[in-house]
Amino acid sequence: MDDFSISEIKTVLDPPIIINFVDEINCPICDIEIDVKNKIVDNGSFVYCEDCNHKIIFEITKI
């Protein structure tokens, strides 16, 4: 079983989107900052924490 968490992004834009409104997110496990500035994300896109290898999956919700 994978160790992962979901980071929900609420937006009026259609995916994929560019994350240009935040520079970093914190890993929910070890609190290390993960650089996401200008990353292109779609539903199911993900990043790994370099410290603990935790997977953070992005979920885009259109509002």
PDB file of N, CA and C in Angstrom:
ATOM      1  N   MET A   1       0.842  -1.181   0.000  1.00  0.00           N
ATOM      2  CA  MET A   1       0.000   0.000   0.000  1.00  0.00           C
ATOM      3  C   MET A   1       0.887   1.244   0.000  1.00  0.00           C
ATOM      4  N   ASP A   2       0.554   2.193  -0.870  1.00  0.00           N
ATOM      5  CA  ASP A   2       1.329   3.421  -0.960  1.00  0.00           C
ATOM      6  C   ASP A   2       1.006   4.359   0.188  1.00  0.00           C
ATOM      7  N   ASP A   3       2.013   5.093   0.606  1.00  0.00           N
ATOM      8  CA  ASP A   3       1.863   6.129   1.616  1.00  0.00           C
ATOM      9  C   ASP A   3       1.700   7.444   0.867  1.00  0.00           C
ATOM     10  N   PHE A   4       0.478   8.004   0.880  1.00  0.00           N
ATOM     11  CA  PHE A   4       0.241   9.226   0.129  1.00  0.00           C
ATOM     12  C   PHE A   4      -0.795  10.089   0.831  1.00  0.00           C
ATOM     13  N   SER A   5      -0.846  11.353   0.410  1.00  0.00           N
ATOM     14  CA  SER A   5      -1.886  12.270   0.860  1.00  0.00           C
ATOM     15  C   SER A   5      -2.377  13.030  -0.358  1.00  0.00           C
ATOM     16  N   ILE A   6      -3.517  13.668  -0.222  1.00  0.00           N
ATOM     17  CA  ILE A   6      -4.122  14.407  -1.324  1.00  0.00           C
ATOM     18  C   ILE A   6      -4.140  15.881  -0.980  1.00  0.00           C
ATOM     19  N   SER A   7      -3.672  16.696  -1.927  1.00  0.00           N
ATOM     20  CA  SER A   7      -3.701  18.139  -1.779  1.00  0.00           C
ATOM     21  C   SER A   7      -4.722  18.685  -2.771  1.00  0.00           C
ATOM     22  N   GLU A   8      -5.825  19.221  -2.254  1.00  0.00           N
ATOM     23  CA  GLU A   8      -6.894  19.721  -3.108  1.00  0.00           C
ATOM     24  C   GLU A   8      -6.614  21.168  -3.503  1.00  0.00           C
ATOM     25  N   ILE A   9      -6.756  21.447  -4.796  1.00  0.00           N
ATOM     26  CA  ILE A   9      -6.592  22.804  -5.318  1.00  0.00           C
ATOM     27  C   ILE A   9      -7.931  23.232  -5.892  1.00  0.00           C
ATOM     28  N   LYS A  10      -8.525  24.259  -5.312  1.00  0.00           N
ATOM     29  CA  LYS A  10      -9.794  24.780  -5.799  1.00  0.00           C
ATOM     30  C   LYS A  10      -9.506  25.953  -6.735  1.00  0.00           C
ATOM     31  N   THR A  11     -10.128  25.925  -7.925  1.00  0.00           N
ATOM     32  CA  THR A  11      -9.850  26.942  -8.929  1.00  0.00           C
ATOM     33  C   THR A  11     -11.038  27.106  -9.872  1.00  0.00           C
ATOM     34  N   VAL A  12     -11.075  28.223 -10.565  1.00  0.00           N
ATOM     35  CA  VAL A  12     -12.085  28.454 -11.593  1.00  0.00           C
ATOM     36  C   VAL A  12     -11.554  28.030 -12.963  1.00  0.00           C
ATOM     37  N   LEU A  13     -10.294  27.656 -13.034  1.00  0.00           N
ATOM     38  CA  LEU A  13      -9.664  27.268 -14.287  1.00  0.00           C
ATOM     39  C   LEU A  13      -9.861  25.783 -14.566  1.00  0.00           C
ATOM     40  N   ASP A  14      -9.809  25.429 -15.844  1.00  0.00           N
ATOM     41  CA  ASP A  14      -9.853  24.024 -16.238  1.00  0.00           C
ATOM     42  C   ASP A  14      -8.449  23.439 -16.146  1.00  0.00           C
ATOM     43  N   PRO A  15      -8.328  22.203 -15.676  1.00  0.00           N
ATOM     44  CA  PRO A  15      -7.011  21.573 -15.612  1.00  0.00           C
ATOM     45  C   PRO A  15      -6.506  21.237 -17.012  1.00  0.00           C
ATOM     46  N   PRO A  16      -5.218  21.166 -17.211  1.00  0.00           N
ATOM     47  CA  PRO A  16      -4.149  21.355 -16.229  1.00  0.00           C
ATOM     48  C   PRO A  16      -3.937  22.838 -15.923  1.00  0.00           C
ATOM     49  N   ILE A  17      -3.408  23.108 -14.741  1.00  0.00           N
ATOM     50  CA  ILE A  17      -3.140  24.486 -14.323  1.00  0.00           C
ATOM     51  C   ILE A  17      -1.670  24.614 -13.925  1.00  0.00           C
ATOM     52  N   ILE A  18      -1.208  25.859 -13.881  1.00  0.00           N
ATOM     53  CA  ILE A  18       0.148  26.151 -13.414  1.00  0.00           C
ATOM     54  C   ILE A  18       0.038  26.697 -12.003  1.00  0.00           C
ATOM     55  N   ILE A  19       0.778  26.095 -11.078  1.00  0.00           N
ATOM     56  CA  ILE A  19       0.768  26.578  -9.699  1.00  0.00           C
ATOM     57  C   ILE A  19       1.708  27.779  -9.621  1.00  0.00           C
ATOM     58  N   ASN A  20       1.136  28.975  -9.738  1.00  0.00           N
ATOM     59  CA  ASN A  20       1.942  30.182  -9.643  1.00  0.00           C
ATOM     60  C   ASN A  20       1.463  31.086  -8.513  1.00  0.00           C
ATOM     61  N   PHE A  21       0.669  30.535  -7.625  1.00  0.00           N
ATOM     62  CA  PHE A  21       0.141  31.304  -6.504  1.00  0.00           C
ATOM     63  C   PHE A  21       0.772  30.910  -5.177  1.00  0.00           C
ATOM     64  N   VAL A  22       1.634  29.898  -5.200  1.00  0.00           N
ATOM     65  CA  VAL A  22       2.337  29.469  -3.995  1.00  0.00           C
ATOM     66  C   VAL A  22       3.703  28.937  -4.420  1.00  0.00           C
ATOM     67  N   ASP A  23       4.711  29.176  -3.598  1.00  0.00           N
ATOM     68  CA  ASP A  23       6.067  28.726  -3.915  1.00  0.00           C
ATOM     69  C   ASP A  23       6.330  27.302  -3.438  1.00  0.00           C
ATOM     70  N   GLU A  24       5.807  26.976  -2.254  1.00  0.00           N
ATOM     71  CA  GLU A  24       6.125  25.696  -1.629  1.00  0.00           C
ATOM     72  C   GLU A  24       4.924  25.152  -0.885  1.00  0.00           C
ATOM     73  N   ILE A  25       4.913  23.828  -0.731  1.00  0.00           N
ATOM     74  CA  ILE A  25       3.958  23.196   0.177  1.00  0.00           C
ATOM     75  C   ILE A  25       4.776  22.402   1.182  1.00  0.00           C
ATOM     76  N   ASN A  26       4.207  22.156   2.327  1.00  0.00           N
ATOM     77  CA  ASN A  26       4.905  21.397   3.361  1.00  0.00           C
ATOM     78  C   ASN A  26       4.439  19.952   3.344  1.00  0.00           C
ATOM     79  N   CYS A  27       5.380  19.051   3.493  1.00  0.00           N
ATOM     80  CA  CYS A  27       5.065  17.631   3.595  1.00  0.00           C
ATOM     81  C   CYS A  27       4.252  17.417   4.871  1.00  0.00           C
ATOM     82  N   PRO A  28       3.111  16.722   4.790  1.00  0.00           N
ATOM     83  CA  PRO A  28       2.305  16.501   5.991  1.00  0.00           C
ATOM     84  C   PRO A  28       2.934  15.512   6.974  1.00  0.00           C
ATOM     85  N   ILE A  29       3.954  14.782   6.552  1.00  0.00           N
ATOM     86  CA  ILE A  29       4.609  13.811   7.421  1.00  0.00           C
ATOM     87  C   ILE A  29       5.787  14.430   8.167  1.00  0.00           C
ATOM     88  N   CYS A  30       6.719  15.033   7.419  1.00  0.00           N
ATOM     89  CA  CYS A  30       7.953  15.520   8.055  1.00  0.00           C
ATOM     90  C   CYS A  30       8.097  17.046   8.033  1.00  0.00           C
ATOM     91  N   ASP A  31       7.131  17.752   7.456  1.00  0.00           N
ATOM     92  CA  ASP A  31       7.082  19.217   7.445  1.00  0.00           C
ATOM     93  C   ASP A  31       8.220  19.868   6.641  1.00  0.00           C
ATOM     94  N   ILE A  32       8.848  19.135   5.745  1.00  0.00           N
ATOM     95  CA  ILE A  32       9.865  19.698   4.859  1.00  0.00           C
ATOM     96  C   ILE A  32       9.158  20.451   3.736  1.00  0.00           C
ATOM     97  N   GLU A  33       9.715  21.585   3.315  1.00  0.00           N
ATOM     98  CA  GLU A  33       9.132  22.367   2.226  1.00  0.00           C
ATOM     99  C   GLU A  33       9.456  21.729   0.878  1.00  0.00           C
ATOM    100  N   ILE A  34       8.434  21.623   0.025  1.00  0.00           N
ATOM    101  CA  ILE A  34       8.573  21.052  -1.310  1.00  0.00           C
ATOM    102  C   ILE A  34       8.281  22.155  -2.316  1.00  0.00           C
ATOM    103  N   ASP A  35       9.221  22.411  -3.221  1.00  0.00           N
ATOM    104  CA  ASP A  35       9.084  23.470  -4.216  1.00  0.00           C
ATOM    105  C   ASP A  35       8.074  23.058  -5.289  1.00  0.00           C
ATOM    106  N   VAL A  36       7.022  23.866  -5.470  1.00  0.00           N
ATOM    107  CA  VAL A  36       6.018  23.602  -6.502  1.00  0.00           C
ATOM    108  C   VAL A  36       5.777  24.826  -7.380  1.00  0.00           C
ATOM    109  N   LYS A  37       6.594  25.859  -7.247  1.00  0.00           N
ATOM    110  CA  LYS A  37       6.416  27.098  -8.006  1.00  0.00           C
ATOM    111  C   LYS A  37       6.457  26.818  -9.499  1.00  0.00           C
ATOM    112  N   ASN A  38       5.428  27.272 -10.204  1.00  0.00           N
ATOM    113  CA  ASN A  38       5.275  27.155 -11.653  1.00  0.00           C
ATOM    114  C   ASN A  38       5.200  25.720 -12.158  1.00  0.00           C
ATOM    115  N   LYS A  39       4.820  24.787 -11.294  1.00  0.00           N
ATOM    116  CA  LYS A  39       4.633  23.393 -11.699  1.00  0.00           C
ATOM    117  C   LYS A  39       3.284  23.265 -12.403  1.00  0.00           C
ATOM    118  N   ILE A  40       3.257  22.546 -13.510  1.00  0.00           N
ATOM    119  CA  ILE A  40       2.013  22.279 -14.227  1.00  0.00           C
ATOM    120  C   ILE A  40       1.400  21.013 -13.627  1.00  0.00           C
ATOM    121  N   VAL A  41       0.153  21.131 -13.137  1.00  0.00           N
ATOM    122  CA  VAL A  41      -0.501  19.988 -12.502  1.00  0.00           C
ATOM    123  C   VAL A  41      -1.863  19.715 -13.130  1.00  0.00           C
ATOM    124  N   ASP A  42      -2.234  18.468 -13.087  1.00  0.00           N
ATOM    125  CA  ASP A  42      -3.528  17.984 -13.537  1.00  0.00           C
ATOM    126  C   ASP A  42      -4.031  17.049 -12.436  1.00  0.00           C
ATOM    127  N   ASN A  43      -5.255  16.606 -12.527  1.00  0.00           N
ATOM    128  CA  ASN A  43      -5.740  15.628 -11.554  1.00  0.00           C
ATOM    129  C   ASN A  43      -4.853  14.398 -11.619  1.00  0.00           C
ATOM    130  N   GLY A  44      -4.372  13.980 -10.478  1.00  0.00           N
ATOM    131  CA  GLY A  44      -3.500  12.817 -10.407  1.00  0.00           C
ATOM    132  C   GLY A  44      -2.024  13.138 -10.483  1.00  0.00           C
ATOM    133  N   SER A  45      -1.659  14.394 -10.785  1.00  0.00           N
ATOM    134  CA  SER A  45      -0.244  14.776 -10.742  1.00  0.00           C
ATOM    135  C   SER A  45       0.238  14.661  -9.308  1.00  0.00           C
ATOM    136  N   PHE A  46       1.535  14.461  -9.132  1.00  0.00           N
ATOM    137  CA  PHE A  46       2.034  14.282  -7.774  1.00  0.00           C
ATOM    138  C   PHE A  46       3.464  14.774  -7.649  1.00  0.00           C
ATOM    139  N   VAL A  47       3.878  14.968  -6.399  1.00  0.00           N
ATOM    140  CA  VAL A  47       5.260  15.274  -6.046  1.00  0.00           C
ATOM    141  C   VAL A  47       5.645  14.346  -4.896  1.00  0.00           C
ATOM    142  N   TYR A  48       6.926  14.086  -4.782  1.00  0.00           N
ATOM    143  CA  TYR A  48       7.454  13.289  -3.674  1.00  0.00           C
ATOM    144  C   TYR A  48       8.259  14.188  -2.748  1.00  0.00           C
ATOM    145  N   CYS A  49       8.141  13.949  -1.472  1.00  0.00           N
ATOM    146  CA  CYS A  49       8.993  14.603  -0.490  1.00  0.00           C
ATOM    147  C   CYS A  49      10.375  13.949  -0.581  1.00  0.00           C
ATOM    148  N   GLU A  50      11.401  14.748  -0.753  1.00  0.00           N
ATOM    149  CA  GLU A  50      12.758  14.217  -0.875  1.00  0.00           C
ATOM    150  C   GLU A  50      13.278  13.663   0.446  1.00  0.00           C
ATOM    151  N   ASP A  51      12.720  14.107   1.553  1.00  0.00           N
ATOM    152  CA  ASP A  51      13.198  13.675   2.865  1.00  0.00           C
ATOM    153  C   ASP A  51      12.630  12.316   3.272  1.00  0.00           C
ATOM    154  N   CYS A  52      11.297  12.158   3.171  1.00  0.00           N
ATOM    155  CA  CYS A  52      10.675  10.924   3.663  1.00  0.00           C
ATOM    156  C   CYS A  52      10.016  10.098   2.562  1.00  0.00           C
ATOM    157  N   ASN A  53      10.087  10.559   1.317  1.00  0.00           N
ATOM    158  CA  ASN A  53       9.547   9.855   0.155  1.00  0.00           C
ATOM    159  C   ASN A  53       8.023   9.730   0.196  1.00  0.00           C
ATOM    160  N   HIS A  54       7.363  10.650   0.897  1.00  0.00           N
ATOM    161  CA  HIS A  54       5.894  10.682   0.953  1.00  0.00           C
ATOM    162  C   HIS A  54       5.370  11.246  -0.366  1.00  0.00           C
ATOM    163  N   LYS A  55       4.318  10.643  -0.907  1.00  0.00           N
ATOM    164  CA  LYS A  55       3.731  11.061  -2.178  1.00  0.00           C
ATOM    165  C   LYS A  55       2.540  11.974  -1.909  1.00  0.00           C
ATOM    166  N   ILE A  56       2.541  13.161  -2.533  1.00  0.00           N
ATOM    167  CA  ILE A  56       1.433  14.109  -2.408  1.00  0.00           C
ATOM    168  C   ILE A  56       0.772  14.206  -3.779  1.00  0.00           C
ATOM    169  N   ILE A  57      -0.488  13.794  -3.848  1.00  0.00           N
ATOM    170  CA  ILE A  57      -1.246  13.782  -5.095  1.00  0.00           C
ATOM    171  C   ILE A  57      -2.128  15.024  -5.139  1.00  0.00           C
ATOM    172  N   PHE A  58      -2.141  15.697  -6.303  1.00  0.00           N
ATOM    173  CA  PHE A  58      -2.958  16.893  -6.475  1.00  0.00           C
ATOM    174  C   PHE A  58      -4.324  16.515  -7.027  1.00  0.00           C
ATOM    175  N   GLU A  59      -5.362  17.101  -6.422  1.00  0.00           N
ATOM    176  CA  GLU A  59      -6.728  16.929  -6.888  1.00  0.00           C
ATOM    177  C   GLU A  59      -7.281  18.320  -7.189  1.00  0.00           C
ATOM    178  N   ILE A  60      -7.638  18.572  -8.434  1.00  0.00           N
ATOM    179  CA  ILE A  60      -8.130  19.885  -8.837  1.00  0.00           C
ATOM    180  C   ILE A  60      -9.648  19.858  -8.818  1.00  0.00           C
ATOM    181  N   THR A  61     -10.224  20.810  -8.085  1.00  0.00           N
ATOM    182  CA  THR A  61     -11.667  20.939  -7.977  1.00  0.00           C
ATOM    183  C   THR A  61     -12.066  22.279  -8.573  1.00  0.00           C
ATOM    184  N   LYS A  62     -12.907  22.237  -9.599  1.00  0.00           N
ATOM    185  CA  LYS A  62     -13.364  23.472 -10.228  1.00  0.00           C
ATOM    186  C   LYS A  62     -14.522  24.042  -9.427  1.00  0.00           C
ATOM    187  N   ILE A  63     -14.411  25.327  -9.085  1.00  0.00           N
ATOM    188  CA  ILE A  63     -15.482  25.983  -8.323  1.00  0.00           C
ATOM    189  C   ILE A  63     -16.218  26.971  -9.186  1.00  0.00           C
TER     190      ILE A  63
END
